[in-house]
Every structure is written in C-alpha cells, then in structure tokens.
Amino acid sequence: MKSPVVRTAARFLSPFLFLSGLYFATHGFLLPGGGFQGGVLLASGAILLLLTHGRDKVIRIEENIDWFETIGTVIFLSAGFAGIFVGGFFFYNVLPETPVWCIVLDVVISLKVFAGILALFIYLFGIRRVRAC
C-alpha cells in the first residue's frame, strides 16, 4: 500500500493492537477465551503491518513462524505432563494458590493462535511459498 495516510494510521494502530493482545494474553484467566483473543489481536497487528508496509517489517516473524508454533506446542504439552508428575492428572494446577499457572497457559495459547493465524495469512496470500517435502 503506497498511501502515506494508511501507512501512518497502521503505524499508529499496530502498537495498540500488540499491547491489547499482550493484555488479553496475560489477563486471560479473568476473561473467557483470553488466550485466543490475545493471539488474534497480536496476529492482527502483524497482519496490519504486513499489508501496509510490506514484507520488510515482519520478515523476522515470518521466517520464524514455525518456531513459534513448535515452542507453543512443546510448552503446552510440558505443562500438561508437569501436572501428571505433580498431581497425577493431565494439566493439574501445579500452583493452586496463585493464578500463575493459568497465566502461563493463556500466554502459550495466545502464542499458538498468533502463529497459526499469521501462518495461515502468509500461506494463503502467497507471501511465502510452502516448502515441498
């Protein structure tokens, strides 16, 4: 997009999208679906920059999107198995007196949602080609 008005508006709005995404991700245990909502807001901020400023603004995120997805999966499964070792149940609350465990899970969920939506956008709009095995 070549319009300076649209580029300036995107540059102005994207930090607010990222901040609200981080807020929803860290305070998701107070809201229903907070981790998912935080991930969607984070991805929408990156997509907004990608649409208005081109590939150069989000090239590091785009190159490492597979790692975001992998790290999110590993942390999420590790949290589940930690519950088995501590309490005997999958996803047992390891820290029952504090909401820290719920915050960790919501942040991991928002990381996975962010990676999934951004990867879907990148692949569907042909910004990066899918590698053949």
Protein backbone atom coordinates (compact mmCIF):
# COMPACT_ATOMS: atom_id res chain seq x y z
CA MET A 1 0.00 0.00 0.00
CA LYS A 2 1.53 3.31 -1.09
CA SER A 3 -0.82 5.75 0.66
CA PRO A 4 1.02 7.68 3.38
CA VAL A 5 -2.22 8.16 5.32
CA VAL A 6 -2.88 4.42 5.52
CA ARG A 7 0.74 3.66 6.39
CA THR A 8 0.76 6.28 9.14
CA ALA A 9 -2.53 5.03 10.55
CA ALA A 10 -1.20 1.46 10.56
CA ARG A 11 2.00 2.57 12.26
CA PHE A 12 -0.15 4.35 14.86
CA LEU A 13 -2.62 1.46 15.42
CA SER A 14 -0.28 -1.54 15.43
CA PRO A 15 1.36 -0.84 18.83
CA PHE A 16 -2.11 -0.59 20.39
CA LEU A 17 -3.06 -3.92 18.84
CA PHE A 18 0.12 -5.51 20.18
CA LEU A 19 -0.38 -4.03 23.65
CA SER A 20 -4.01 -5.06 23.86
CA GLY A 21 -3.03 -8.53 22.64
CA LEU A 22 -0.46 -8.82 25.42
CA TYR A 23 -3.02 -7.54 27.92
CA PHE A 24 -5.60 -10.13 26.87
CA ALA A 25 -2.96 -12.87 26.89
CA THR A 26 -1.75 -12.09 30.41
CA HIS A 27 -5.17 -11.32 31.88
CA GLY A 28 -6.94 -14.11 30.03
CA PHE A 29 -7.67 -16.09 33.17
CA LEU A 30 -10.15 -13.35 34.12
CA LEU A 31 -11.95 -13.46 30.76
CA PRO A 32 -13.44 -16.35 28.80
CA GLY A 33 -11.17 -17.13 25.87
CA GLY A 34 -8.50 -14.61 26.83
CA GLY A 35 -5.59 -16.52 25.34
CA PHE A 36 -7.33 -16.92 22.00
CA GLN A 37 -8.37 -13.27 21.88
CA GLY A 38 -4.84 -12.15 22.73
CA GLY A 39 -3.38 -14.28 19.95
CA VAL A 40 -5.84 -12.91 17.42
CA LEU A 41 -5.00 -9.32 18.39
CA LEU A 42 -1.26 -10.00 18.15
CA ALA A 43 -1.69 -11.58 14.73
CA SER A 44 -3.91 -8.74 13.51
CA GLY A 45 -1.22 -6.21 14.45
CA ALA A 46 1.38 -8.14 12.47
CA ILE A 47 -1.01 -8.58 9.52
CA LEU A 48 -1.75 -4.86 9.52
CA LEU A 49 1.96 -4.08 9.29
CA LEU A 50 2.39 -6.74 6.64
CA LEU A 51 -0.39 -5.31 4.49
CA THR A 52 0.67 -1.69 4.74
CA HIS A 53 4.46 -1.80 4.93
CA GLY A 54 5.21 -4.96 3.04
CA ARG A 55 7.27 -7.93 3.94
CA ASP A 56 10.21 -5.97 5.33
CA LYS A 57 8.53 -5.04 8.62
CA VAL A 58 7.62 -8.59 9.67
CA ILE A 59 10.32 -10.62 7.93
CA ARG A 60 11.82 -11.94 11.19
CA ILE A 61 8.42 -13.08 12.45
CA GLU A 62 7.63 -14.62 9.08
CA GLU A 63 10.90 -16.56 8.94
CA ASN A 64 10.45 -17.92 12.46
CA ILE A 65 6.70 -18.60 12.43
CA ASP A 66 7.31 -22.37 12.50
CA TRP A 67 9.35 -22.00 15.67
CA PHE A 68 6.55 -20.05 17.39
CA GLU A 69 4.18 -22.91 16.66
CA THR A 70 6.65 -25.57 17.81
CA ILE A 71 7.64 -23.77 21.01
CA GLY A 72 3.99 -23.20 21.88
CA THR A 73 3.20 -26.89 21.42
CA VAL A 74 6.18 -28.04 23.48
CA ILE A 75 5.42 -25.67 26.37
CA PHE A 76 1.73 -26.57 26.33
CA LEU A 77 2.43 -30.32 26.43
CA SER A 78 5.13 -29.83 29.06
CA ALA A 79 2.62 -28.01 31.25
CA GLY A 80 0.19 -30.90 30.82
CA PHE A 81 2.76 -33.54 31.70
CA ALA A 82 4.02 -31.50 34.66
CA GLY A 83 0.52 -31.87 36.08
CA ILE A 84 0.80 -35.65 35.78
CA PHE A 85 4.08 -35.71 37.69
CA VAL A 86 2.94 -33.31 40.43
CA GLY A 87 -0.75 -34.10 40.93
CA GLY A 88 -1.44 -37.24 38.99
CA PHE A 89 -3.69 -35.60 36.39
CA PHE A 90 -3.03 -34.09 32.98
CA PHE A 91 -2.99 -30.25 33.35
CA TYR A 92 -3.21 -30.47 37.13
CA ASN A 93 -2.76 -27.00 38.66
CA VAL A 94 0.81 -27.08 39.93
CA LEU A 95 0.43 -23.77 41.78
CA PRO A 96 -3.12 -23.97 43.22
CA GLU A 97 -2.96 -20.84 45.39
CA THR A 98 -1.94 -18.46 42.60
CA PRO A 99 -3.22 -17.77 39.07
CA VAL A 100 0.31 -18.10 37.62
CA TRP A 101 -0.45 -21.46 36.02
CA CYS A 102 -3.48 -20.08 34.20
CA ILE A 103 -1.46 -17.08 33.00
CA VAL A 104 1.26 -19.36 31.61
CA LEU A 105 -1.31 -21.46 29.76
CA ASP A 106 -3.09 -18.40 28.35
CA VAL A 107 0.19 -16.91 27.11
CA VAL A 108 1.10 -20.20 25.44
CA ILE A 109 -2.35 -20.44 23.84
CA SER A 110 -2.04 -16.89 22.53
CA LEU A 111 1.41 -17.72 21.12
CA LYS A 112 -0.02 -20.70 19.26
CA VAL A 113 -3.03 -18.75 17.97
CA PHE A 114 -0.76 -15.90 16.87
CA ALA A 115 1.49 -18.30 14.97
CA GLY A 116 -1.41 -20.19 13.43
CA ILE A 117 -3.33 -17.17 12.17
CA LEU A 118 -0.24 -15.39 10.88
CA ALA A 119 1.00 -18.54 9.12
CA LEU A 120 -2.44 -19.04 7.59
CA PHE A 121 -2.42 -15.46 6.30
CA ILE A 122 1.13 -15.75 4.95
CA TYR A 123 0.49 -19.01 3.13
CA LEU A 124 -2.99 -18.16 1.80
CA PHE A 125 -1.94 -14.84 0.34
CA GLY A 126 1.19 -16.27 -1.26
CA ILE A 127 3.69 -14.17 0.64
CA ARG A 128 5.78 -17.24 1.29
CA ARG A 129 5.64 -20.43 -0.68
CA VAL A 130 5.02 -23.74 1.02
CA ARG A 131 8.12 -25.91 1.03
CA ALA A 132 7.69 -29.33 -0.54
CA CYS A 133 8.97 -32.31 1.43
